[in-house]
Every structure is written in structure tokens, then in C-alpha cells.
Amino acid sequence: MEILFVDRKNYLEEIIIKSNNKYILHFADNFQTALKILKNNEIDVCIINADLISLNGFDLLSRIKKNYPKIIRVLITDHQEKNFSLRTFNLAHQHYKSPLTEQILKEKIEPATILKSLIQNEKTLTKLNSEDGIPTLPEIYYKVEKEINLPDVSIQRIANLISKDLSLTTKILQLANSAYFGISAKIVDILQAINILGLNVIKSIIVYTKVFTNLEKKRELKEIIETIWNHSILVSNISHKIIYHFTKEKELAEQAYIAGILHDIGKVILLNIEHDYEKLLKLFNINAEIDDDKIKKEYGATHSEIGAYTLAIWGFHKSVVDAVLLHHSFHTINYLSLSNVISISNRLSNIEGIDDLLYQSFYTKEDLIEFINSQELFTK
């Protein structure tokens, strides 16, 4: 992996030492040097410290996005200007507060470069990284992220941010009022809805809702978009139930819910990059299930691979990325990892009444595993 650090060399000594020559590293501390390195090398990732006085990080990101779209763009800053990161939110794939750590490099940035190799069609890879391909995370995502990371984080301020976006508010209230949460009274207050769902789930809903924004205007896609959304919510509900029912671990259950919501994001990205919707929709059936053999042949990657690559570029947790990548991998299930649970839930969602059955019939993991292994759904 070749990385261009547009930063001070001494700032990265610790990462260089720990990497054990794992990465090919390039350094620049000004605009022209950075452009020269980009021109003469196959850079995979460009990490820019936007606080360097001698460099306009905004202009460099713009140039990279236009001329080198396949490069993963990462912005680091400890700039205190309130709107600084919002000014560049549509140019960088990932944003971090400096100093950048080896853990972020290893867990957030490196996976995206590895998963890029799954996209075996150069035309598809170019489309994915074009203006009409994988979108950068929406502005409101970074606003919420910034608020979450404040020492005096305020749910009320986050609620105020979200309430300005009608479509997002509607989706959040819809989920908070779903039967899954067992709330008898109707939730009409966004603050209460956020408290029910949790901040990390809210962030995943922001991602999912905003990726659909450009597609919602296409009438021919309305039915399939709604089908994908409803299926994703059902899978997230089942996944959360299984994990929490058997582990009682809230954080793991929350990750399962997030992975469930996002497991079919690859289908949505395909709808973004393919303008011949009639051609693409022929590969979907009435339940929005897709023929991945044909998708692989046409686009050089399955929807699972495209989805995992997308989430990796956005810096999602590796466990969520892996779960999305493997959600169509089926084996005899003898344990309940996050990846297995998403895979299980994706199949169980086709069984009528499974939501209630999960709590009423399965008292131990062994009961659930025995049921799963007996189903024809898991033997195909």
C-alpha cells in the first residue's frame, strides 16, 4: 500500500517505526511536491494535515478528487474553526482529529485499500470512485460526529441538527415507532427517538438515508428502494434480537443493528452507478434479491463486495464491513459471530413470523443453531 502523507515527517515517526516497512510511504509538506508525487507514483491513500500553513488542504483534496478519483482521501486536523471540516466534508472520504494513530491507519484506512482488489472490473472501480459513484458522507453526518466527540456532548443539540432534515427525521421516527422496540405510546419527539435508537444507530441511518437521496426522484426505482429499505430494517431487527437475546451485550447488539441496516448498501450503490436502470432492475426479483453471478460478470464484483468496499472507504468498523461482505456466505452455524448473525438474519427474514418466533421458541443458542441447521434455507 502506497501512502502519501502531506504533513511534517517527524509527526509520523511512530507510525513509520511500527509499520515495519509494511507501507510504501511518501512525504510532502507543500502543494507542488504533493502533486509531483501523485503524478509519479501509484498512490493508494492520501492523508492530508489540513492545518499546514504552507498548504491549502482544500485545494489539494479538490485536485485529487478530480484527477485521481481512486485514491482514498483522508483529512486530519486539529483546527478549531467551527465550520472547517464542514467546508471539506464532500471532498474527503474520512476525517480524523490529529494526531493520526497507527490504529486508525490499520483499522480504518488499510481495509479500504485491501477491499479495492475485490472490484475486478476497472470500469466499475472508476464509476464507484467518480462523482456519481460512492458518495462522500453527508454534511449532517460530520456535524453529528463532531457533536458526539465533544466532552459535553448534548443529545438535545444533536436532535436540533437532525430535526432540520425532514426526510431523515421521518426515517428515525419510523424506526423508533416500529414494533421491534415495544414502545406502546407513539414517539413523535426526535429527542426521545434518538435516546431509544442510540447515537451509533442514528449515524448509520443518516448514511443509509442520504445514499438514497439521488435515487428518490426516480419513479421507476421507488418500489425497489422501499423493498430494500424494509428488508434491511427487518434484518437489523432480527440481528439485534439474536445478539442481545443470547449475549446481553448492548454494544455488540448495536453493531448487529448497524450491520443489518447497511448489509445491502451495495445494491443501492449499484443503482447509483448504473444509469440504465431497466438493465439493472432485470437482475432483481420481486423481493429485491439480486442475481450475484450475473452482477459479478457484469460489474466485476457482487453487491456484497461493493457494499463492503463502500463502508471501508467511509471508515466503518471492520466487524461491520466483514459482516456486509459475508452476508451471503452460508455454512453450518455452530457459533454466533457478528458476520454469522447477519448471514443468518438475512435468510431468516424470509420466514413468516420469525420476529416473534425468535423469543418464543429459542431459549438457548443451541436451540437456535439446531433450528437454523435444520432449515432448507441454510442448505442451499
Protein backbone atom coordinates (compact mmCIF):
# COMPACT_ATOMS: atom_id res chain seq x y z
CA MET A 1 0.00 0.00 0.00
CA GLU A 2 1.46 3.38 -1.04
CA ILE A 3 0.56 6.32 1.18
CA LEU A 4 1.21 9.98 0.58
CA PHE A 5 1.40 11.92 3.84
CA VAL A 6 1.05 15.62 3.29
CA ASP A 7 2.41 16.54 6.69
CA ARG A 8 5.56 17.00 8.74
CA LYS A 9 7.83 13.92 8.70
CA ASN A 10 8.59 13.96 12.41
CA TYR A 11 4.86 13.84 13.12
CA LEU A 12 4.71 10.30 11.70
CA GLU A 13 7.83 8.70 13.16
CA GLU A 14 5.87 6.39 15.45
CA ILE A 15 3.70 5.05 12.62
CA ILE A 16 6.75 4.55 10.39
CA ILE A 17 8.59 2.58 13.08
CA LYS A 18 5.61 0.37 13.89
CA SER A 19 4.74 -0.33 10.26
CA ASN A 20 7.90 -2.46 9.79
CA ASN A 21 8.15 -1.46 6.12
CA LYS A 22 4.58 -2.64 5.58
CA TYR A 23 3.75 0.54 3.69
CA ILE A 24 5.48 2.48 0.95
CA LEU A 25 5.49 5.99 2.36
CA HIS A 26 5.82 9.31 0.56
CA PHE A 27 6.01 12.73 2.20
CA ALA A 28 5.24 16.24 1.07
CA ASP A 29 4.98 19.46 3.00
CA ASN A 30 3.76 21.68 0.19
CA PHE A 31 1.28 21.67 -2.65
CA GLN A 32 3.69 21.27 -5.59
CA THR A 33 5.67 18.41 -4.02
CA ALA A 34 2.42 16.57 -3.33
CA LEU A 35 1.30 16.92 -6.97
CA LYS A 36 4.66 15.68 -8.25
CA ILE A 37 4.49 12.56 -6.03
CA LEU A 38 0.92 11.89 -7.15
CA LYS A 39 1.96 12.10 -10.79
CA ASN A 40 4.94 9.74 -10.48
CA ASN A 41 3.61 7.06 -8.12
CA GLU A 42 0.66 4.69 -7.72
CA ILE A 43 -0.71 6.24 -4.54
CA ASP A 44 -3.49 4.34 -2.76
CA VAL A 45 -4.17 6.75 0.11
CA CYS A 46 -3.51 10.44 0.57
CA ILE A 47 -3.55 11.69 4.16
CA ILE A 48 -3.53 15.46 4.44
CA ASN A 49 -2.90 17.53 7.53
CA ALA A 50 -5.07 20.49 6.63
CA ASP A 51 -3.51 22.66 9.33
CA LEU A 52 -0.21 23.09 7.48
CA ILE A 53 0.23 26.79 6.86
CA SER A 54 2.19 26.15 3.65
CA LEU A 55 -0.55 24.08 2.03
CA ASN A 56 -4.16 24.67 1.12
CA GLY A 57 -5.62 21.25 2.00
CA PHE A 58 -8.98 22.12 0.47
CA ASP A 59 -7.44 22.81 -2.96
CA LEU A 60 -5.31 19.66 -2.87
CA LEU A 61 -8.31 17.49 -2.00
CA SER A 62 -10.22 19.06 -4.90
CA ARG A 63 -7.37 18.27 -7.29
CA ILE A 64 -7.07 14.65 -6.10
CA LYS A 65 -10.82 14.07 -6.31
CA LYS A 66 -10.87 15.32 -9.90
CA ASN A 67 -7.65 13.80 -11.27
CA TYR A 68 -7.05 10.74 -9.04
CA PRO A 69 -10.53 9.55 -8.00
CA LYS A 70 -9.37 6.06 -6.94
CA ILE A 71 -7.18 7.45 -4.18
CA ILE A 72 -8.73 7.28 -0.72
CA ARG A 73 -8.73 10.82 0.65
CA VAL A 74 -8.23 11.31 4.39
CA LEU A 75 -8.21 14.66 6.17
CA ILE A 76 -6.68 15.16 9.60
CA THR A 77 -6.92 18.40 11.51
CA ASP A 78 -6.84 19.94 14.95
CA HIS A 79 -8.10 23.20 13.51
CA GLN A 80 -10.57 24.84 15.85
CA GLU A 81 -12.60 26.76 13.29
CA LYS A 82 -16.19 25.63 13.77
CA ASN A 83 -17.04 25.06 10.11
CA PHE A 84 -13.66 23.88 8.86
CA SER A 85 -14.41 20.17 8.44
CA LEU A 86 -17.87 21.00 7.05
CA ARG A 87 -16.22 23.03 4.28
CA THR A 88 -14.37 19.92 3.14
CA PHE A 89 -16.87 17.18 4.02
CA ASN A 90 -17.67 16.49 0.36
CA LEU A 91 -14.01 16.12 -0.61
CA ALA A 92 -12.56 13.66 1.91
CA HIS A 93 -13.72 10.07 2.43
CA GLN A 94 -12.62 10.06 6.08
CA HIS A 95 -11.95 12.79 8.66
CA TYR A 96 -9.88 12.41 11.85
CA LYS A 97 -8.60 14.66 14.56
CA SER A 98 -4.81 14.73 14.65
CA PRO A 99 -2.58 13.11 15.62
CA LEU A 100 -3.31 10.17 13.34
CA THR A 101 -2.65 6.87 15.11
CA GLU A 102 -1.40 3.54 13.84
CA GLN A 103 -4.69 2.00 14.97
CA ILE A 104 -6.70 4.30 12.69
CA LEU A 105 -4.34 3.55 9.81
CA LYS A 106 -4.64 -0.20 10.37
CA GLU A 107 -8.35 -0.48 11.22
CA LYS A 108 -9.98 2.33 9.25
CA ILE A 109 -7.83 3.17 6.24
CA GLU A 110 -5.98 -0.01 5.25
CA PRO A 111 -9.14 -2.20 4.86
CA ALA A 112 -10.44 0.04 2.08
CA THR A 113 -7.28 -0.47 0.00
CA ILE A 114 -7.45 -4.24 0.56
CA LEU A 115 -11.12 -4.47 -0.44
CA LYS A 116 -10.47 -2.45 -3.58
CA SER A 117 -8.85 -5.60 -5.02
CA LEU A 118 -12.27 -7.30 -4.91
CA ILE A 119 -13.54 -4.99 -7.65
CA GLN A 120 -12.19 -6.83 -10.67
CA ASN A 121 -13.74 -4.59 -13.32
CA GLU A 122 -11.72 -1.42 -13.93
CA LYS A 123 -14.73 0.37 -15.41
CA THR A 124 -16.78 -0.37 -12.27
CA LEU A 125 -13.96 0.76 -9.99
CA THR A 126 -13.74 4.03 -11.92
CA LYS A 127 -17.51 4.52 -11.67
CA LEU A 128 -17.51 3.77 -7.95
CA ASN A 129 -14.92 6.48 -7.36
CA SER A 130 -16.48 9.04 -9.72
CA GLU A 131 -18.80 11.91 -8.82
CA ASP A 132 -21.82 9.65 -9.44
CA GLY A 133 -20.43 6.63 -7.60
CA ILE A 134 -19.83 6.19 -3.89
CA PRO A 135 -20.90 9.48 -2.32
CA THR A 136 -18.88 11.10 0.42
CA LEU A 137 -20.58 11.04 3.79
CA PRO A 138 -23.21 13.76 4.14
CA GLU A 139 -22.61 17.04 5.93
CA ILE A 140 -25.02 16.20 8.73
CA TYR A 141 -23.04 13.02 9.47
CA TYR A 142 -19.96 15.09 10.29
CA LYS A 143 -21.99 17.57 12.30
CA VAL A 144 -23.40 14.75 14.44
CA GLU A 145 -19.97 13.06 14.64
CA LYS A 146 -18.38 16.31 15.82
CA GLU A 147 -21.07 16.75 18.48
CA ILE A 148 -20.69 13.15 19.70
CA ASN A 149 -16.96 13.69 20.20
CA LEU A 150 -17.36 16.83 22.31
CA PRO A 151 -16.61 16.47 26.05
CA ASP A 152 -20.04 17.96 26.80
CA VAL A 153 -21.98 16.03 24.13
CA SER A 154 -25.61 17.12 24.01
CA ILE A 155 -28.39 14.88 22.71
CA GLN A 156 -30.58 17.99 22.51
CA ARG A 157 -28.12 19.69 20.14
CA ILE A 158 -27.98 16.53 18.00
CA ALA A 159 -31.79 16.43 17.95
CA ASN A 160 -31.84 20.06 16.82
CA LEU A 161 -29.43 19.25 13.96
CA ILE A 162 -31.46 16.27 12.77
CA SER A 163 -34.85 17.98 13.08
CA LYS A 164 -33.83 20.39 10.30
CA ASP A 165 -33.82 17.45 7.86
CA LEU A 166 -37.39 16.30 7.23
CA SER A 167 -36.64 13.04 5.38
CA LEU A 168 -34.09 11.94 8.00
CA THR A 169 -36.41 12.86 10.87
CA THR A 170 -39.18 10.82 9.25
CA LYS A 171 -36.97 7.71 8.94
CA ILE A 172 -35.76 7.96 12.54
CA LEU A 173 -39.27 8.35 13.92
CA GLN A 174 -40.42 5.44 11.72
CA LEU A 175 -37.80 3.15 13.26
CA ALA A 176 -38.40 4.33 16.81
CA ASN A 177 -42.10 3.55 16.38
CA SER A 178 -41.57 0.09 14.91
CA ALA A 179 -42.99 -2.84 16.87
CA TYR A 180 -39.46 -4.08 17.42
CA PHE A 181 -38.81 -1.57 20.22
CA GLY A 182 -42.02 -2.47 22.05
CA ILE A 183 -42.97 1.13 22.84
CA SER A 184 -46.71 1.37 23.47
CA ALA A 185 -47.01 5.16 23.11
CA LYS A 186 -46.36 6.76 19.72
CA ILE A 187 -42.98 8.52 19.54
CA VAL A 188 -43.30 11.96 17.95
CA ASP A 189 -40.31 13.67 19.56
CA ILE A 190 -36.96 13.32 17.78
CA LEU A 191 -35.05 13.64 21.07
CA GLN A 192 -36.90 10.64 22.52
CA ALA A 193 -36.35 8.70 19.29
CA ILE A 194 -32.59 9.31 19.45
CA ASN A 195 -32.49 8.10 23.05
CA ILE A 196 -34.30 4.90 22.02
CA LEU A 197 -32.14 4.13 18.99
CA GLY A 198 -28.71 5.26 20.22
CA LEU A 199 -26.23 7.60 18.56
CA ASN A 200 -24.32 4.99 16.53
CA VAL A 201 -27.55 3.66 15.03
CA ILE A 202 -28.55 7.24 14.21
CA LYS A 203 -25.28 7.66 12.29
CA SER A 204 -25.96 4.53 10.22
CA ILE A 205 -29.49 5.76 9.42
CA ILE A 206 -28.02 9.07 8.26
CA VAL A 207 -25.71 7.18 5.88
CA TYR A 208 -28.46 4.94 4.52
CA THR A 209 -31.00 7.75 4.07
CA LYS A 210 -28.58 10.09 2.33
CA VAL A 211 -27.30 7.46 -0.11
CA PHE A 212 -30.89 7.19 -1.35
CA THR A 213 -31.27 10.94 -1.87
CA ASN A 214 -30.32 10.98 -5.55
CA LEU A 215 -32.46 7.94 -6.32
CA GLU A 216 -35.70 9.04 -4.70
CA LYS A 217 -36.50 11.28 -7.67
CA LYS A 218 -36.57 8.28 -10.00
CA ARG A 219 -40.13 6.95 -10.01
CA GLU A 220 -39.10 3.64 -11.57
CA LEU A 221 -36.92 2.95 -8.52
CA LYS A 222 -39.46 3.82 -5.81
CA GLU A 223 -40.78 0.29 -5.28
CA ILE A 224 -37.39 -1.41 -5.20
CA ILE A 225 -35.93 1.26 -2.88
CA GLU A 226 -38.78 0.72 -0.41
CA THR A 227 -38.32 -3.06 -0.66
CA ILE A 228 -34.58 -2.84 0.04
CA TRP A 229 -35.20 -0.46 2.97
CA ASN A 230 -37.91 -2.65 4.56
CA HIS A 231 -35.78 -5.79 4.15
CA SER A 232 -32.76 -4.05 5.68
CA ILE A 233 -34.74 -2.94 8.72
CA LEU A 234 -36.13 -6.45 9.22
CA VAL A 235 -32.63 -7.96 9.03
CA SER A 236 -31.33 -5.37 11.50
CA ASN A 237 -34.18 -6.13 13.92
CA ILE A 238 -33.59 -9.89 13.76
CA SER A 239 -29.81 -9.47 14.11
CA HIS A 240 -30.19 -7.23 17.14
CA LYS A 241 -32.63 -9.66 18.75
CA ILE A 242 -30.37 -12.67 18.27
CA ILE A 243 -27.23 -10.97 19.57
CA TYR A 244 -28.86 -9.31 22.55
CA HIS A 245 -31.06 -12.29 23.43
CA PHE A 246 -28.04 -14.58 23.74
CA THR A 247 -25.25 -12.27 24.87
CA LYS A 248 -26.93 -9.31 26.64
CA GLU A 249 -24.11 -7.18 25.22
CA LYS A 250 -25.59 -3.82 24.21
CA GLU A 251 -22.60 -2.64 22.17
CA LEU A 252 -22.42 -5.86 20.14
CA ALA A 253 -26.20 -5.80 19.62
CA GLU A 254 -25.91 -2.21 18.39
CA GLN A 255 -23.21 -3.25 15.91
CA ALA A 256 -25.53 -6.01 14.70
CA TYR A 257 -28.32 -3.48 14.17
CA ILE A 258 -25.99 -1.19 12.20
CA ALA A 259 -24.64 -4.05 10.05
CA GLY A 260 -28.21 -5.19 9.41
CA ILE A 261 -29.30 -1.76 8.22
CA LEU A 262 -26.29 -1.47 5.92
CA HIS A 263 -25.90 -5.07 4.71
CA ASP A 264 -27.48 -4.35 1.30
CA ILE A 265 -25.91 -0.93 0.76
CA GLY A 266 -24.13 -2.45 -2.26
CA LYS A 267 -27.46 -2.71 -4.07
CA VAL A 268 -28.05 0.99 -3.54
CA ILE A 269 -24.54 1.85 -4.76
CA LEU A 270 -25.19 -0.21 -7.90
CA LEU A 271 -28.32 1.85 -8.51
CA ASN A 272 -26.15 4.95 -8.15
CA ILE A 273 -23.52 3.94 -10.70
CA GLU A 274 -25.80 2.32 -13.31
CA HIS A 275 -27.84 4.84 -15.27
CA ASP A 276 -29.52 2.12 -17.36
CA TYR A 277 -31.97 1.24 -14.58
CA GLU A 278 -34.02 -1.06 -16.78
CA LYS A 279 -30.93 -3.18 -17.44
CA LEU A 280 -30.05 -3.37 -13.74
CA LEU A 281 -33.57 -3.98 -12.47
CA LYS A 282 -33.77 -7.11 -14.63
CA LEU A 283 -31.22 -8.60 -12.22
CA PHE A 284 -33.55 -8.07 -9.23
CA ASN A 285 -36.55 -10.24 -8.39
CA ILE A 286 -39.80 -9.10 -6.78
CA ASN A 287 -38.23 -9.23 -3.28
CA ALA A 288 -35.25 -7.11 -4.41
CA GLU A 289 -32.99 -10.15 -4.24
CA ILE A 290 -30.24 -9.97 -6.84
CA ASP A 291 -28.52 -12.46 -9.15
CA ASP A 292 -24.95 -12.02 -7.92
CA ASP A 293 -23.46 -14.36 -10.52
CA LYS A 294 -24.72 -12.04 -13.25
CA ILE A 295 -23.77 -8.95 -11.23
CA LYS A 296 -20.23 -10.31 -10.81
CA LYS A 297 -19.98 -10.99 -14.53
CA GLU A 298 -21.32 -7.55 -15.48
CA TYR A 299 -19.66 -5.37 -12.84
CA GLY A 300 -16.68 -7.41 -11.64
CA ALA A 301 -17.97 -7.62 -8.06
CA THR A 302 -21.00 -8.83 -6.12
CA HIS A 303 -23.27 -6.39 -4.30
CA SER A 304 -21.76 -7.67 -1.03
CA GLU A 305 -18.23 -6.79 -2.21
CA ILE A 306 -19.32 -3.38 -3.44
CA GLY A 307 -21.11 -2.74 -0.14
CA ALA A 308 -18.10 -3.76 1.95
CA TYR A 309 -15.77 -1.61 -0.16
CA THR A 310 -18.11 1.36 0.29
CA LEU A 311 -18.25 1.02 4.08
CA ALA A 312 -14.48 0.53 4.27
CA ILE A 313 -13.91 3.74 2.32
CA TRP A 314 -16.18 5.53 4.81
CA GLY A 315 -14.15 4.12 7.72
CA PHE A 316 -16.78 1.85 9.28
CA HIS A 317 -15.69 -0.65 11.93
CA LYS A 318 -14.05 -3.75 10.44
CA SER A 319 -16.58 -6.10 12.07
CA VAL A 320 -19.42 -4.27 10.28
CA VAL A 321 -17.52 -4.28 6.97
CA ASP A 322 -16.82 -8.03 7.30
CA ALA A 323 -20.46 -8.75 8.14
CA VAL A 324 -21.61 -6.92 5.00
CA LEU A 325 -19.00 -8.70 2.88
CA LEU A 326 -20.02 -12.16 4.15
CA HIS A 327 -23.78 -11.80 4.50
CA HIS A 328 -24.38 -14.31 1.68
CA SER A 329 -21.82 -16.85 2.95
CA PHE A 330 -23.54 -19.90 4.43
CA HIS A 331 -22.08 -22.72 6.44
CA THR A 332 -23.29 -24.94 9.25
CA ILE A 333 -23.68 -22.44 12.06
CA ASN A 334 -22.06 -23.55 15.29
CA TYR A 335 -21.34 -20.15 16.81
CA LEU A 336 -22.84 -16.67 16.67
CA SER A 337 -20.27 -14.18 15.44
CA LEU A 338 -21.49 -10.84 14.06
CA SER A 339 -20.87 -11.98 10.46
CA ASN A 340 -22.76 -15.23 11.05
CA VAL A 341 -25.68 -13.45 12.68
CA ILE A 342 -26.13 -11.06 9.73
CA SER A 343 -25.93 -14.03 7.36
CA ILE A 344 -28.47 -15.95 9.47
CA SER A 345 -30.82 -12.97 9.76
CA ASN A 346 -30.72 -12.32 6.03
CA ARG A 347 -32.08 -15.83 5.42
CA LEU A 348 -34.42 -15.90 8.43
CA SER A 349 -36.10 -12.72 7.16
CA ASN A 350 -37.80 -14.92 4.53
CA ILE A 351 -39.61 -16.97 7.19
CA GLU A 352 -43.02 -15.55 8.05
CA GLY A 353 -43.40 -14.67 11.73
CA ILE A 354 -39.72 -15.20 12.52
CA ASP A 355 -39.55 -11.97 14.56
CA ASP A 356 -41.89 -13.40 17.22
CA LEU A 357 -40.50 -16.94 16.93
CA LEU A 358 -37.04 -15.81 17.96
CA TYR A 359 -38.12 -15.02 21.51
CA GLN A 360 -40.90 -17.54 21.93
CA SER A 361 -39.12 -20.70 20.82
CA PHE A 362 -35.37 -20.31 21.27
CA TYR A 363 -34.19 -20.20 24.87
CA THR A 364 -30.57 -21.16 24.22
CA LYS A 365 -28.09 -20.62 21.42
CA GLU A 366 -28.07 -24.38 20.90
CA ASP A 367 -31.83 -24.33 20.21
CA LEU A 368 -31.40 -21.59 17.63
CA ILE A 369 -28.41 -23.28 15.98
CA GLU A 370 -30.30 -26.59 15.76
CA PHE A 371 -33.26 -24.80 14.13
CA ILE A 372 -31.01 -22.98 11.66
CA ASN A 373 -29.14 -26.11 10.65
CA SER A 374 -32.44 -27.93 10.03
CA GLN A 375 -33.76 -25.29 7.60
CA GLU A 376 -33.62 -25.84 3.87
CA LEU A 377 -32.76 -22.12 3.57
CA PHE A 378 -29.32 -22.88 5.01
CA THR A 379 -28.54 -25.97 2.98
CA LYS A 380 -28.74 -24.40 -0.46
